[in-house]
Amino acid sequence: MFPYYRPPTEKHPCGFIIFAAQDYGIMKPRSVRLCIYPKDIQRITGKSERYSRNLIHNIKSALGKEEHQVLTVQEFCTYMGLPFEAVKEPIRD
């Protein structure tokens, strides 16, 4: 059984039950992603996609990461000297 179950709030004339998502606690808060992508860096810096890709490559090289490893938001913030709170908002999906 769904943990937030309550009886339906309305019934449509065709017989469908209408549920309000906010009444059931279904709407979950938006989460912040763990890794950062060139499009996120574009939004943060206002630079081009190519600049963003090169920046990710440079940060990975400086941190000794391999090509297949991802760059986290925290690593990006540390490298760029930006507070995490300022970067968190532009990268929300």
PDB file of N, CA and C in Angstrom:
ATOM      1  N   MET A   1       0.848  -1.183   0.000  1.00  0.00           N
ATOM      2  CA  MET A   1       0.000   0.000   0.000  1.00  0.00           C
ATOM      3  C   MET A   1       0.885   1.236   0.000  1.00  0.00           C
ATOM      4  N   PHE A   2       0.452   2.242  -0.716  1.00  0.00           N
ATOM      5  CA  PHE A   2       1.207   3.490  -0.792  1.00  0.00           C
ATOM      6  C   PHE A   2       1.224   4.150   0.586  1.00  0.00           C
ATOM      7  N   PRO A   3       2.403   4.562   1.066  1.00  0.00           N
ATOM      8  CA  PRO A   3       2.491   5.083   2.439  1.00  0.00           C
ATOM      9  C   PRO A   3       1.687   6.353   2.693  1.00  0.00           C
ATOM     10  N   TYR A   4       1.415   7.124   1.645  1.00  0.00           N
ATOM     11  CA  TYR A   4       0.689   8.374   1.835  1.00  0.00           C
ATOM     12  C   TYR A   4      -0.767   8.239   1.374  1.00  0.00           C
ATOM     13  N   TYR A   5      -1.311   7.062   1.410  1.00  0.00           N
ATOM     14  CA  TYR A   5      -2.642   6.827   0.848  1.00  0.00           C
ATOM     15  C   TYR A   5      -3.718   7.569   1.635  1.00  0.00           C
ATOM     16  N   ARG A   6      -4.559   8.248   0.885  1.00  0.00           N
ATOM     17  CA  ARG A   6      -5.772   8.872   1.408  1.00  0.00           C
ATOM     18  C   ARG A   6      -6.883   8.585   0.405  1.00  0.00           C
ATOM     19  N   PRO A   7      -8.112   8.649   0.800  1.00  0.00           N
ATOM     20  CA  PRO A   7      -9.189   8.435  -0.173  1.00  0.00           C
ATOM     21  C   PRO A   7      -9.138   9.489  -1.273  1.00  0.00           C
ATOM     22  N   PRO A   8      -9.611   9.163  -2.480  1.00  0.00           N
ATOM     23  CA  PRO A   8      -9.587  10.131  -3.578  1.00  0.00           C
ATOM     24  C   PRO A   8     -10.352  11.393  -3.220  1.00  0.00           C
ATOM     25  N   THR A   9      -9.865  12.513  -3.716  1.00  0.00           N
ATOM     26  CA  THR A   9     -10.487  13.791  -3.389  1.00  0.00           C
ATOM     27  C   THR A   9     -11.657  14.123  -4.303  1.00  0.00           C
ATOM     28  N   GLU A  10     -11.632  13.650  -5.555  1.00  0.00           N
ATOM     29  CA  GLU A  10     -12.685  13.956  -6.514  1.00  0.00           C
ATOM     30  C   GLU A  10     -12.934  12.760  -7.410  1.00  0.00           C
ATOM     31  N   LYS A  11     -14.088  12.729  -8.009  1.00  0.00           N
ATOM     32  CA  LYS A  11     -14.381  11.708  -9.002  1.00  0.00           C
ATOM     33  C   LYS A  11     -14.879  12.402 -10.263  1.00  0.00           C
ATOM     34  N   HIS A  12     -14.235  12.092 -11.384  1.00  0.00           N
ATOM     35  CA  HIS A  12     -14.581  12.677 -12.672  1.00  0.00           C
ATOM     36  C   HIS A  12     -15.926  12.100 -13.124  1.00  0.00           C
ATOM     37  N   PRO A  13     -16.720  12.857 -13.885  1.00  0.00           N
ATOM     38  CA  PRO A  13     -18.013  12.347 -14.358  1.00  0.00           C
ATOM     39  C   PRO A  13     -17.899  11.029 -15.141  1.00  0.00           C
ATOM     40  N   CYS A  14     -16.767  10.769 -15.782  1.00  0.00           N
ATOM     41  CA  CYS A  14     -16.581   9.523 -16.539  1.00  0.00           C
ATOM     42  C   CYS A  14     -16.227   8.351 -15.629  1.00  0.00           C
ATOM     43  N   GLY A  15     -16.061   8.597 -14.350  1.00  0.00           N
ATOM     44  CA  GLY A  15     -15.739   7.526 -13.417  1.00  0.00           C
ATOM     45  C   GLY A  15     -14.280   7.475 -13.009  1.00  0.00           C
ATOM     46  N   PHE A  16     -13.433   8.317 -13.604  1.00  0.00           N
ATOM     47  CA  PHE A  16     -12.024   8.328 -13.232  1.00  0.00           C
ATOM     48  C   PHE A  16     -11.839   8.995 -11.878  1.00  0.00           C
ATOM     49  N   ILE A  17     -10.904   8.504 -11.124  1.00  0.00           N
ATOM     50  CA  ILE A  17     -10.597   9.106  -9.830  1.00  0.00           C
ATOM     51  C   ILE A  17      -9.493  10.127 -10.044  1.00  0.00           C
ATOM     52  N   ILE A  18      -9.686  11.315  -9.528  1.00  0.00           N
ATOM     53  CA  ILE A  18      -8.714  12.393  -9.691  1.00  0.00           C
ATOM     54  C   ILE A  18      -7.911  12.507  -8.397  1.00  0.00           C
ATOM     55  N   PHE A  19      -6.612  12.354  -8.546  1.00  0.00           N
ATOM     56  CA  PHE A  19      -5.710  12.461  -7.398  1.00  0.00           C
ATOM     57  C   PHE A  19      -4.931  13.764  -7.505  1.00  0.00           C
ATOM     58  N   ALA A  20      -4.756  14.435  -6.411  1.00  0.00           N
ATOM     59  CA  ALA A  20      -3.921  15.626  -6.375  1.00  0.00           C
ATOM     60  C   ALA A  20      -2.556  15.221  -5.833  1.00  0.00           C
ATOM     61  N   ALA A  21      -1.508  15.399  -6.641  1.00  0.00           N
ATOM     62  CA  ALA A  21      -0.167  14.931  -6.283  1.00  0.00           C
ATOM     63  C   ALA A  21       0.317  15.538  -4.967  1.00  0.00           C
ATOM     64  N   GLN A  22       0.041  16.813  -4.747  1.00  0.00           N
ATOM     65  CA  GLN A  22       0.526  17.439  -3.526  1.00  0.00           C
ATOM     66  C   GLN A  22      -0.162  16.878  -2.284  1.00  0.00           C
ATOM     67  N   ASP A  23      -1.391  16.372  -2.424  1.00  0.00           N
ATOM     68  CA  ASP A  23      -2.099  15.785  -1.296  1.00  0.00           C
ATOM     69  C   ASP A  23      -1.489  14.454  -0.873  1.00  0.00           C
ATOM     70  N   TYR A  24      -0.811  13.790  -1.779  1.00  0.00           N
ATOM     71  CA  TYR A  24      -0.278  12.459  -1.501  1.00  0.00           C
ATOM     72  C   TYR A  24       1.208  12.448  -1.193  1.00  0.00           C
ATOM     73  N   GLY A  25       1.858  13.592  -1.192  1.00  0.00           N
ATOM     74  CA  GLY A  25       3.275  13.633  -0.908  1.00  0.00           C
ATOM     75  C   GLY A  25       4.106  13.042  -2.030  1.00  0.00           C
ATOM     76  N   ILE A  26       3.544  12.973  -3.240  1.00  0.00           N
ATOM     77  CA  ILE A  26       4.230  12.373  -4.367  1.00  0.00           C
ATOM     78  C   ILE A  26       5.291  13.317  -4.926  1.00  0.00           C
ATOM     79  N   MET A  27       5.033  14.584  -4.901  1.00  0.00           N
ATOM     80  CA  MET A  27       5.968  15.547  -5.472  1.00  0.00           C
ATOM     81  C   MET A  27       7.200  15.628  -4.588  1.00  0.00           C
ATOM     82  N   LYS A  28       8.310  15.115  -5.098  1.00  0.00           N
ATOM     83  CA  LYS A  28       9.535  15.119  -4.313  1.00  0.00           C
ATOM     84  C   LYS A  28      10.356  16.358  -4.648  1.00  0.00           C
ATOM     85  N   PRO A  29      11.189  16.795  -3.721  1.00  0.00           N
ATOM     86  CA  PRO A  29      12.002  17.984  -3.983  1.00  0.00           C
ATOM     87  C   PRO A  29      13.027  17.701  -5.080  1.00  0.00           C
ATOM     88  N   ARG A  30      13.373  18.737  -5.821  1.00  0.00           N
ATOM     89  CA  ARG A  30      14.360  18.594  -6.875  1.00  0.00           C
ATOM     90  C   ARG A  30      15.723  18.375  -6.257  1.00  0.00           C
ATOM     91  N   SER A  31      16.483  17.483  -6.841  1.00  0.00           N
ATOM     92  CA  SER A  31      17.798  17.180  -6.297  1.00  0.00           C
ATOM     93  C   SER A  31      18.890  17.790  -7.169  1.00  0.00           C
ATOM     94  N   VAL A  32      20.040  17.956  -6.581  1.00  0.00           N
ATOM     95  CA  VAL A  32      21.196  18.485  -7.286  1.00  0.00           C
ATOM     96  C   VAL A  32      22.021  17.304  -7.767  1.00  0.00           C
ATOM     97  N   ARG A  33      22.430  17.349  -9.023  1.00  0.00           N
ATOM     98  CA  ARG A  33      23.231  16.267  -9.578  1.00  0.00           C
ATOM     99  C   ARG A  33      24.615  16.235  -8.955  1.00  0.00           C
ATOM    100  N   LEU A  34      25.223  15.075  -8.989  1.00  0.00           N
ATOM    101  CA  LEU A  34      26.547  14.885  -8.419  1.00  0.00           C
ATOM    102  C   LEU A  34      27.637  15.310  -9.391  1.00  0.00           C
ATOM    103  N   CYS A  35      27.454  15.033 -10.682  1.00  0.00           N
ATOM    104  CA  CYS A  35      28.486  15.372 -11.657  1.00  0.00           C
ATOM    105  C   CYS A  35      28.078  16.602 -12.465  1.00  0.00           C
ATOM    106  N   ILE A  36      29.079  17.237 -13.054  1.00  0.00           N
ATOM    107  CA  ILE A  36      28.846  18.468 -13.797  1.00  0.00           C
ATOM    108  C   ILE A  36      29.198  18.241 -15.263  1.00  0.00           C
ATOM    109  N   TYR A  37      28.460  18.899 -16.143  1.00  0.00           N
ATOM    110  CA  TYR A  37      28.626  18.734 -17.584  1.00  0.00           C
ATOM    111  C   TYR A  37      28.932  20.081 -18.236  1.00  0.00           C
ATOM    112  N   PRO A  38      29.424  20.060 -19.488  1.00  0.00           N
ATOM    113  CA  PRO A  38      29.757  21.323 -20.161  1.00  0.00           C
ATOM    114  C   PRO A  38      28.600  22.330 -20.204  1.00  0.00           C
ATOM    115  N   LYS A  39      27.369  21.855 -20.382  1.00  0.00           N
ATOM    116  CA  LYS A  39      26.220  22.769 -20.430  1.00  0.00           C
ATOM    117  C   LYS A  39      26.047  23.495 -19.091  1.00  0.00           C
ATOM    118  N   ASP A  40      26.315  22.800 -17.992  1.00  0.00           N
ATOM    119  CA  ASP A  40      26.235  23.435 -16.672  1.00  0.00           C
ATOM    120  C   ASP A  40      27.296  24.521 -16.541  1.00  0.00           C
ATOM    121  N   ILE A  41      28.499  24.223 -17.013  1.00  0.00           N
ATOM    122  CA  ILE A  41      29.592  25.198 -16.923  1.00  0.00           C
ATOM    123  C   ILE A  41      29.285  26.400 -17.815  1.00  0.00           C
ATOM    124  N   GLN A  42      28.637  26.164 -18.959  1.00  0.00           N
ATOM    125  CA  GLN A  42      28.207  27.270 -19.813  1.00  0.00           C
ATOM    126  C   GLN A  42      27.258  28.196 -19.070  1.00  0.00           C
ATOM    127  N   ARG A  43      26.303  27.624 -18.358  1.00  0.00           N
ATOM    128  CA  ARG A  43      25.341  28.439 -17.604  1.00  0.00           C
ATOM    129  C   ARG A  43      26.019  29.229 -16.491  1.00  0.00           C
ATOM    130  N   ILE A  44      27.004  28.609 -15.856  1.00  0.00           N
ATOM    131  CA  ILE A  44      27.672  29.250 -14.720  1.00  0.00           C
ATOM    132  C   ILE A  44      28.609  30.357 -15.184  1.00  0.00           C
ATOM    133  N   THR A  45      29.444  30.060 -16.193  1.00  0.00           N
ATOM    134  CA  THR A  45      30.479  31.010 -16.613  1.00  0.00           C
ATOM    135  C   THR A  45      30.051  31.943 -17.734  1.00  0.00           C
ATOM    136  N   GLY A  46      29.055  31.532 -18.525  1.00  0.00           N
ATOM    137  CA  GLY A  46      28.656  32.336 -19.674  1.00  0.00           C
ATOM    138  C   GLY A  46      29.582  32.161 -20.859  1.00  0.00           C
ATOM    139  N   LYS A  47      30.460  31.179 -20.807  1.00  0.00           N
ATOM    140  CA  LYS A  47      31.414  30.918 -21.891  1.00  0.00           C
ATOM    141  C   LYS A  47      30.838  29.876 -22.852  1.00  0.00           C
ATOM    142  N   SER A  48      31.602  29.562 -23.896  1.00  0.00           N
ATOM    143  CA  SER A  48      31.148  28.631 -24.925  1.00  0.00           C
ATOM    144  C   SER A  48      31.238  27.179 -24.459  1.00  0.00           C
ATOM    145  N   GLU A  49      30.639  26.291 -25.258  1.00  0.00           N
ATOM    146  CA  GLU A  49      30.693  24.862 -24.942  1.00  0.00           C
ATOM    147  C   GLU A  49      32.121  24.339 -25.076  1.00  0.00           C
ATOM    148  N   ARG A  50      32.843  24.820 -26.068  1.00  0.00           N
ATOM    149  CA  ARG A  50      34.223  24.386 -26.257  1.00  0.00           C
ATOM    150  C   ARG A  50      35.082  24.772 -25.049  1.00  0.00           C
ATOM    151  N   TYR A  51      34.915  26.007 -24.560  1.00  0.00           N
ATOM    152  CA  TYR A  51      35.634  26.440 -23.363  1.00  0.00           C
ATOM    153  C   TYR A  51      35.292  25.522 -22.195  1.00  0.00           C
ATOM    154  N   SER A  52      34.029  25.175 -22.073  1.00  0.00           N
ATOM    155  CA  SER A  52      33.576  24.333 -20.965  1.00  0.00           C
ATOM    156  C   SER A  52      34.183  22.938 -21.046  1.00  0.00           C
ATOM    157  N   ARG A  53      34.227  22.376 -22.248  1.00  0.00           N
ATOM    158  CA  ARG A  53      34.843  21.051 -22.414  1.00  0.00           C
ATOM    159  C   ARG A  53      36.334  21.091 -22.098  1.00  0.00           C
ATOM    160  N   ASN A  54      37.004  22.151 -22.563  1.00  0.00           N
ATOM    161  CA  ASN A  54      38.440  22.292 -22.264  1.00  0.00           C
ATOM    162  C   ASN A  54      38.676  22.473 -20.773  1.00  0.00           C
ATOM    163  N   LEU A  55      37.812  23.207 -20.118  1.00  0.00           N
ATOM    164  CA  LEU A  55      37.941  23.414 -18.681  1.00  0.00           C
ATOM    165  C   LEU A  55      37.782  22.101 -17.920  1.00  0.00           C
ATOM    166  N   ILE A  56      36.808  21.297 -18.313  1.00  0.00           N
ATOM    167  CA  ILE A  56      36.633  19.986 -17.679  1.00  0.00           C
ATOM    168  C   ILE A  56      37.880  19.135 -17.890  1.00  0.00           C
ATOM    169  N   HIS A  57      38.420  19.153 -19.102  1.00  0.00           N
ATOM    170  CA  HIS A  57      39.642  18.391 -19.388  1.00  0.00           C
ATOM    171  C   HIS A  57      40.805  18.878 -18.516  1.00  0.00           C
ATOM    172  N   ASN A  58      40.955  20.203 -18.388  1.00  0.00           N
ATOM    173  CA  ASN A  58      42.046  20.761 -17.570  1.00  0.00           C
ATOM    174  C   ASN A  58      41.890  20.406 -16.096  1.00  0.00           C
ATOM    175  N   ILE A  59      40.667  20.463 -15.589  1.00  0.00           N
ATOM    176  CA  ILE A  59      40.427  20.131 -14.186  1.00  0.00           C
ATOM    177  C   ILE A  59      40.719  18.658 -13.941  1.00  0.00           C
ATOM    178  N   LYS A  60      40.269  17.790 -14.850  1.00  0.00           N
ATOM    179  CA  LYS A  60      40.546  16.362 -14.713  1.00  0.00           C
ATOM    180  C   LYS A  60      42.044  16.094 -14.714  1.00  0.00           C
ATOM    181  N   SER A  61      42.783  16.786 -15.593  1.00  0.00           N
ATOM    182  CA  SER A  61      44.238  16.615 -15.647  1.00  0.00           C
ATOM    183  C   SER A  61      44.884  17.067 -14.346  1.00  0.00           C
ATOM    184  N   ALA A  62      44.429  18.208 -13.821  1.00  0.00           N
ATOM    185  CA  ALA A  62      44.992  18.734 -12.574  1.00  0.00           C
ATOM    186  C   ALA A  62      44.710  17.811 -11.392  1.00  0.00           C
ATOM    187  N   LEU A  63      43.569  17.142 -11.411  1.00  0.00           N
ATOM    188  CA  LEU A  63      43.195  16.247 -10.316  1.00  0.00           C
ATOM    189  C   LEU A  63      43.701  14.818 -10.521  1.00  0.00           C
ATOM    190  N   GLY A  64      44.288  14.545 -11.667  1.00  0.00           N
ATOM    191  CA  GLY A  64      44.796  13.210 -11.947  1.00  0.00           C
ATOM    192  C   GLY A  64      43.712  12.193 -12.249  1.00  0.00           C
ATOM    193  N   LYS A  65      42.606  12.663 -12.788  1.00  0.00           N
ATOM    194  CA  LYS A  65      41.506  11.752 -13.133  1.00  0.00           C
ATOM    195  C   LYS A  65      41.729  11.175 -14.523  1.00  0.00           C
ATOM    196  N   GLU A  66      41.186   9.991 -14.733  1.00  0.00           N
ATOM    197  CA  GLU A  66      41.271   9.372 -16.046  1.00  0.00           C
ATOM    198  C   GLU A  66      40.127   9.867 -16.926  1.00  0.00           C
ATOM    199  N   GLU A  67      40.225   9.559 -18.214  1.00  0.00           N
ATOM    200  CA  GLU A  67      39.267  10.061 -19.201  1.00  0.00           C
ATOM    201  C   GLU A  67      37.832   9.624 -18.932  1.00  0.00           C
ATOM    202  N   HIS A  68      37.646   8.407 -18.457  1.00  0.00           N
ATOM    203  CA  HIS A  68      36.296   7.874 -18.246  1.00  0.00           C
ATOM    204  C   HIS A  68      35.655   8.348 -16.939  1.00  0.00           C
ATOM    205  N   GLN A  69      36.433   8.969 -16.065  1.00  0.00           N
ATOM    206  CA  GLN A  69      35.904   9.427 -14.781  1.00  0.00           C
ATOM    207  C   GLN A  69      35.194  10.765 -14.930  1.00  0.00           C
ATOM    208  N   VAL A  70      34.144  10.954 -14.142  1.00  0.00           N
ATOM    209  CA  VAL A  70      33.374  12.200 -14.209  1.00  0.00           C
ATOM    210  C   VAL A  70      33.924  13.232 -13.233  1.00  0.00           C
ATOM    211  N   LEU A  71      33.581  14.473 -13.501  1.00  0.00           N
ATOM    212  CA  LEU A  71      33.965  15.581 -12.632  1.00  0.00           C
ATOM    213  C   LEU A  71      32.776  15.938 -11.753  1.00  0.00           C
ATOM    214  N   THR A  72      32.984  15.984 -10.453  1.00  0.00           N
ATOM    215  CA  THR A  72      31.875  16.309  -9.561  1.00  0.00           C
ATOM    216  C   THR A  72      31.719  17.818  -9.438  1.00  0.00           C
ATOM    217  N   VAL A  73      30.557  18.213  -8.990  1.00  0.00           N
ATOM    218  CA  VAL A  73      30.272  19.636  -8.792  1.00  0.00           C
ATOM    219  C   VAL A  73      31.206  20.201  -7.729  1.00  0.00           C
ATOM    220  N   GLN A  74      31.459  19.422  -6.687  1.00  0.00           N
ATOM    221  CA  GLN A  74      32.336  19.874  -5.603  1.00  0.00           C
ATOM    222  C   GLN A  74      33.762  20.095  -6.101  1.00  0.00           C
ATOM    223  N   GLU A  75      34.259  19.200  -6.942  1.00  0.00           N
ATOM    224  CA  GLU A  75      35.608  19.363  -7.501  1.00  0.00           C
ATOM    225  C   GLU A  75      35.676  20.606  -8.381  1.00  0.00           C
ATOM    226  N   PHE A  76      34.635  20.834  -9.170  1.00  0.00           N
ATOM    227  CA  PHE A  76      34.584  22.036 -10.004  1.00  0.00           C
ATOM    228  C   PHE A  76      34.602  23.298  -9.145  1.00  0.00           C
ATOM    229  N   CYS A  77      33.797  23.306  -8.090  1.00  0.00           N
ATOM    230  CA  CYS A  77      33.728  24.477  -7.208  1.00  0.00           C
ATOM    231  C   CYS A  77      35.072  24.749  -6.537  1.00  0.00           C
ATOM    232  N   THR A  78      35.710  23.697  -6.081  1.00  0.00           N
ATOM    233  CA  THR A  78      37.019  23.847  -5.431  1.00  0.00           C
ATOM    234  C   THR A  78      38.042  24.403  -6.403  1.00  0.00           C
ATOM    235  N   TYR A  79      38.087  23.858  -7.602  1.00  0.00           N
ATOM    236  CA  TYR A  79      39.052  24.294  -8.611  1.00  0.00           C
ATOM    237  C   TYR A  79      38.825  25.743  -9.012  1.00  0.00           C
ATOM    238  N   MET A  80      37.566  26.122  -9.210  1.00  0.00           N
ATOM    239  CA  MET A  80      37.238  27.474  -9.667  1.00  0.00           C
ATOM    240  C   MET A  80      37.170  28.494  -8.539  1.00  0.00           C
ATOM    241  N   GLY A  81      37.149  28.016  -7.297  1.00  0.00           N
ATOM    242  CA  GLY A  81      37.057  28.929  -6.161  1.00  0.00           C
ATOM    243  C   GLY A  81      35.678  29.522  -5.976  1.00  0.00           C
ATOM    244  N   LEU A  82      34.673  28.778  -6.364  1.00  0.00           N
ATOM    245  CA  LEU A  82      33.292  29.241  -6.247  1.00  0.00           C
ATOM    246  C   LEU A  82      32.599  28.548  -5.081  1.00  0.00           C
ATOM    247  N   PRO A  83      31.705  29.246  -4.380  1.00  0.00           N
ATOM    248  CA  PRO A  83      30.935  28.571  -3.324  1.00  0.00           C
ATOM    249  C   PRO A  83      29.909  27.622  -3.923  1.00  0.00           C
ATOM    250  N   PHE A  84      29.744  26.481  -3.300  1.00  0.00           N
ATOM    251  CA  PHE A  84      28.813  25.460  -3.797  1.00  0.00           C
ATOM    252  C   PHE A  84      27.394  26.000  -3.891  1.00  0.00           C
ATOM    253  N   GLU A  85      26.985  26.811  -2.945  1.00  0.00           N
ATOM    254  CA  GLU A  85      25.626  27.354  -2.938  1.00  0.00           C
ATOM    255  C   GLU A  85      25.345  28.211  -4.174  1.00  0.00           C
ATOM    256  N   ALA A  86      26.356  28.921  -4.664  1.00  0.00           N
ATOM    257  CA  ALA A  86      26.175  29.761  -5.847  1.00  0.00           C
ATOM    258  C   ALA A  86      26.069  28.927  -7.117  1.00  0.00           C
ATOM    259  N   VAL A  87      26.702  27.768  -7.129  1.00  0.00           N
ATOM    260  CA  VAL A  87      26.722  26.900  -8.313  1.00  0.00           C
ATOM    261  C   VAL A  87      25.524  25.964  -8.320  1.00  0.00           C
ATOM    262  N   LYS A  88      24.999  25.665  -7.158  1.00  0.00           N
ATOM    263  CA  LYS A  88      23.918  24.676  -7.027  1.00  0.00           C
ATOM    264  C   LYS A  88      22.669  25.062  -7.822  1.00  0.00           C
ATOM    265  N   GLU A  89      22.296  26.300  -7.827  1.00  0.00           N
ATOM    266  CA  GLU A  89      21.042  26.733  -8.477  1.00  0.00           C
ATOM    267  C   GLU A  89      21.068  26.615  -9.995  1.00  0.00           C
ATOM    268  N   PRO A  90      22.123  27.063 -10.692  1.00  0.00           N
ATOM    269  CA  PRO A  90      22.102  26.963 -12.167  1.00  0.00           C
ATOM    270  C   PRO A  90      22.127  25.537 -12.715  1.00  0.00           C
ATOM    271  N   ILE A  91      22.555  24.547 -11.916  1.00  0.00           N
ATOM    272  CA  ILE A  91      22.653  23.190 -12.445  1.00  0.00           C
ATOM    273  C   ILE A  91      21.458  22.322 -12.100  1.00  0.00           C
ATOM    274  N   ARG A  92      20.459  22.863 -11.496  1.00  0.00           N
ATOM    275  CA  ARG A  92      19.256  22.075 -11.172  1.00  0.00           C
ATOM    276  C   ARG A  92      18.528  21.691 -12.437  1.00  0.00           C
ATOM    277  N   ASP A  93      18.011  20.464 -12.434  1.00  0.00           N
ATOM    278  CA  ASP A  93      17.234  19.988 -13.576  1.00  0.00           C
ATOM    279  C   ASP A  93      15.778  19.883 -13.225  1.00  0.00           C
TER     280      ASP A  93
END
